[in-house]
Amino acid sequence: MTTKGKIKVIKKNEIKENAAASVAVIKKSKQETAREMVSTVTNWVSDFQTRKREETKMAIEKFFTPTQPVGEI
């Protein structure tokens, strides 16, 4: 058995051709990028606030629920 892995030889011309073909990045304007970031952060903040409100509401309801005295059934 061989313990060495296979080695693939890549020529310089192949690297240039592959790099040119694989770079199909869509560039966004700065304004679009900023808009997207603001939207993302806004969603995070609203999710955080919603979760905190729900947790607070549950805690208050649990705290103020009427409990039966220990001696009564």
C-alpha atoms as a PDB file:
ATOM      1  CA  MET A   1       0.000   0.000   0.000  1.00  0.00           C
ATOM      2  CA  THR A   2       1.116   3.508  -0.697  1.00  0.00           C
ATOM      3  CA  THR A   3       0.854   6.102   2.034  1.00  0.00           C
ATOM      4  CA  LYS A   4       1.450   9.051  -0.254  1.00  0.00           C
ATOM      5  CA  GLY A   5      -1.471  10.953  -1.714  1.00  0.00           C
ATOM      6  CA  LYS A   6      -1.903  11.894  -5.321  1.00  0.00           C
ATOM      7  CA  ILE A   7      -0.363  15.102  -6.586  1.00  0.00           C
ATOM      8  CA  LYS A   8      -2.040  17.090  -9.295  1.00  0.00           C
ATOM      9  CA  VAL A   9       0.132  19.380 -11.391  1.00  0.00           C
ATOM     10  CA  ILE A  10      -1.549  22.660 -12.296  1.00  0.00           C
ATOM     11  CA  LYS A  11       0.073  24.818 -14.929  1.00  0.00           C
ATOM     12  CA  LYS A  12       0.098  28.612 -14.719  1.00  0.00           C
ATOM     13  CA  ASN A  13      -2.161  29.003 -17.751  1.00  0.00           C
ATOM     14  CA  GLU A  14      -4.808  26.789 -16.145  1.00  0.00           C
ATOM     15  CA  ILE A  15      -4.761  28.889 -12.973  1.00  0.00           C
ATOM     16  CA  LYS A  16      -5.408  32.121 -14.880  1.00  0.00           C
ATOM     17  CA  GLU A  17      -8.239  30.594 -16.905  1.00  0.00           C
ATOM     18  CA  ASN A  18      -9.929  29.065 -13.825  1.00  0.00           C
ATOM     19  CA  ALA A  19      -9.598  32.260 -11.792  1.00  0.00           C
ATOM     20  CA  ALA A  20     -11.122  34.372 -14.555  1.00  0.00           C
ATOM     21  CA  ALA A  21     -14.022  31.972 -15.001  1.00  0.00           C
ATOM     22  CA  SER A  22     -14.827  31.608 -11.307  1.00  0.00           C
ATOM     23  CA  VAL A  23     -14.880  35.333 -10.513  1.00  0.00           C
ATOM     24  CA  ALA A  24     -18.472  36.191 -11.216  1.00  0.00           C
ATOM     25  CA  VAL A  25     -19.111  38.347  -8.176  1.00  0.00           C
ATOM     26  CA  ILE A  26     -22.006  40.743  -8.268  1.00  0.00           C
ATOM     27  CA  LYS A  27     -20.841  44.063  -6.896  1.00  0.00           C
ATOM     28  CA  LYS A  28     -23.340  46.079  -4.930  1.00  0.00           C
ATOM     29  CA  SER A  29     -23.233  49.799  -4.460  1.00  0.00           C
ATOM     30  CA  LYS A  30     -22.266  51.197  -1.087  1.00  0.00           C
ATOM     31  CA  GLN A  31     -25.798  52.418  -0.563  1.00  0.00           C
ATOM     32  CA  GLU A  32     -27.307  48.962  -1.176  1.00  0.00           C
ATOM     33  CA  THR A  33     -24.783  47.349   1.163  1.00  0.00           C
ATOM     34  CA  ALA A  34     -25.482  49.908   3.887  1.00  0.00           C
ATOM     35  CA  ARG A  35     -29.231  49.421   3.449  1.00  0.00           C
ATOM     36  CA  GLU A  36     -28.831  45.667   3.806  1.00  0.00           C
ATOM     37  CA  MET A  37     -26.732  46.021   6.970  1.00  0.00           C
ATOM     38  CA  VAL A  38     -29.206  48.449   8.534  1.00  0.00           C
ATOM     39  CA  SER A  39     -32.061  46.080   7.751  1.00  0.00           C
ATOM     40  CA  THR A  40     -30.221  43.155   9.319  1.00  0.00           C
ATOM     41  CA  VAL A  41     -29.381  45.034  12.513  1.00  0.00           C
ATOM     42  CA  THR A  42     -32.921  46.389  12.738  1.00  0.00           C
ATOM     43  CA  ASN A  43     -34.284  42.844  12.537  1.00  0.00           C
ATOM     44  CA  TRP A  44     -31.870  41.706  15.262  1.00  0.00           C
ATOM     45  CA  VAL A  45     -32.935  44.538  17.556  1.00  0.00           C
ATOM     46  CA  SER A  46     -36.643  43.925  17.020  1.00  0.00           C
ATOM     47  CA  ASP A  47     -36.210  40.178  17.656  1.00  0.00           C
ATOM     48  CA  PHE A  48     -34.261  40.900  20.837  1.00  0.00           C
ATOM     49  CA  GLN A  49     -36.893  43.360  22.069  1.00  0.00           C
ATOM     50  CA  THR A  50     -39.715  40.929  21.328  1.00  0.00           C
ATOM     51  CA  ARG A  51     -38.001  38.131  23.240  1.00  0.00           C
ATOM     52  CA  LYS A  52     -37.292  40.387  26.223  1.00  0.00           C
ATOM     53  CA  ARG A  53     -40.898  41.604  26.305  1.00  0.00           C
ATOM     54  CA  GLU A  54     -42.235  38.055  26.237  1.00  0.00           C
ATOM     55  CA  GLU A  55     -39.859  36.954  29.006  1.00  0.00           C
ATOM     56  CA  THR A  56     -40.768  39.969  31.131  1.00  0.00           C
ATOM     57  CA  LYS A  57     -44.484  39.407  30.585  1.00  0.00           C
ATOM     58  CA  MET A  58     -44.183  35.758  31.627  1.00  0.00           C
ATOM     59  CA  ALA A  59     -42.161  36.684  34.729  1.00  0.00           C
ATOM     60  CA  ILE A  60     -44.684  39.310  35.822  1.00  0.00           C
ATOM     61  CA  GLU A  61     -47.611  36.946  35.268  1.00  0.00           C
ATOM     62  CA  LYS A  62     -45.868  34.251  37.266  1.00  0.00           C
ATOM     63  CA  PHE A  63     -45.010  36.685  40.049  1.00  0.00           C
ATOM     64  CA  PHE A  64     -48.527  38.093  40.393  1.00  0.00           C
ATOM     65  CA  THR A  65     -50.572  34.906  39.986  1.00  0.00           C
ATOM     66  CA  PRO A  66     -52.742  34.273  43.021  1.00  0.00           C
ATOM     67  CA  THR A  67     -51.485  31.363  45.069  1.00  0.00           C
ATOM     68  CA  GLN A  68     -53.463  29.325  47.515  1.00  0.00           C
ATOM     69  CA  PRO A  69     -52.450  29.528  51.142  1.00  0.00           C
ATOM     70  CA  VAL A  70     -50.611  26.462  52.375  1.00  0.00           C
ATOM     71  CA  GLY A  71     -53.300  25.395  54.882  1.00  0.00           C
ATOM     72  CA  GLU A  72     -56.266  25.575  52.497  1.00  0.00           C
ATOM     73  CA  ILE A  73     -57.280  23.097  49.823  1.00  0.00           C
END
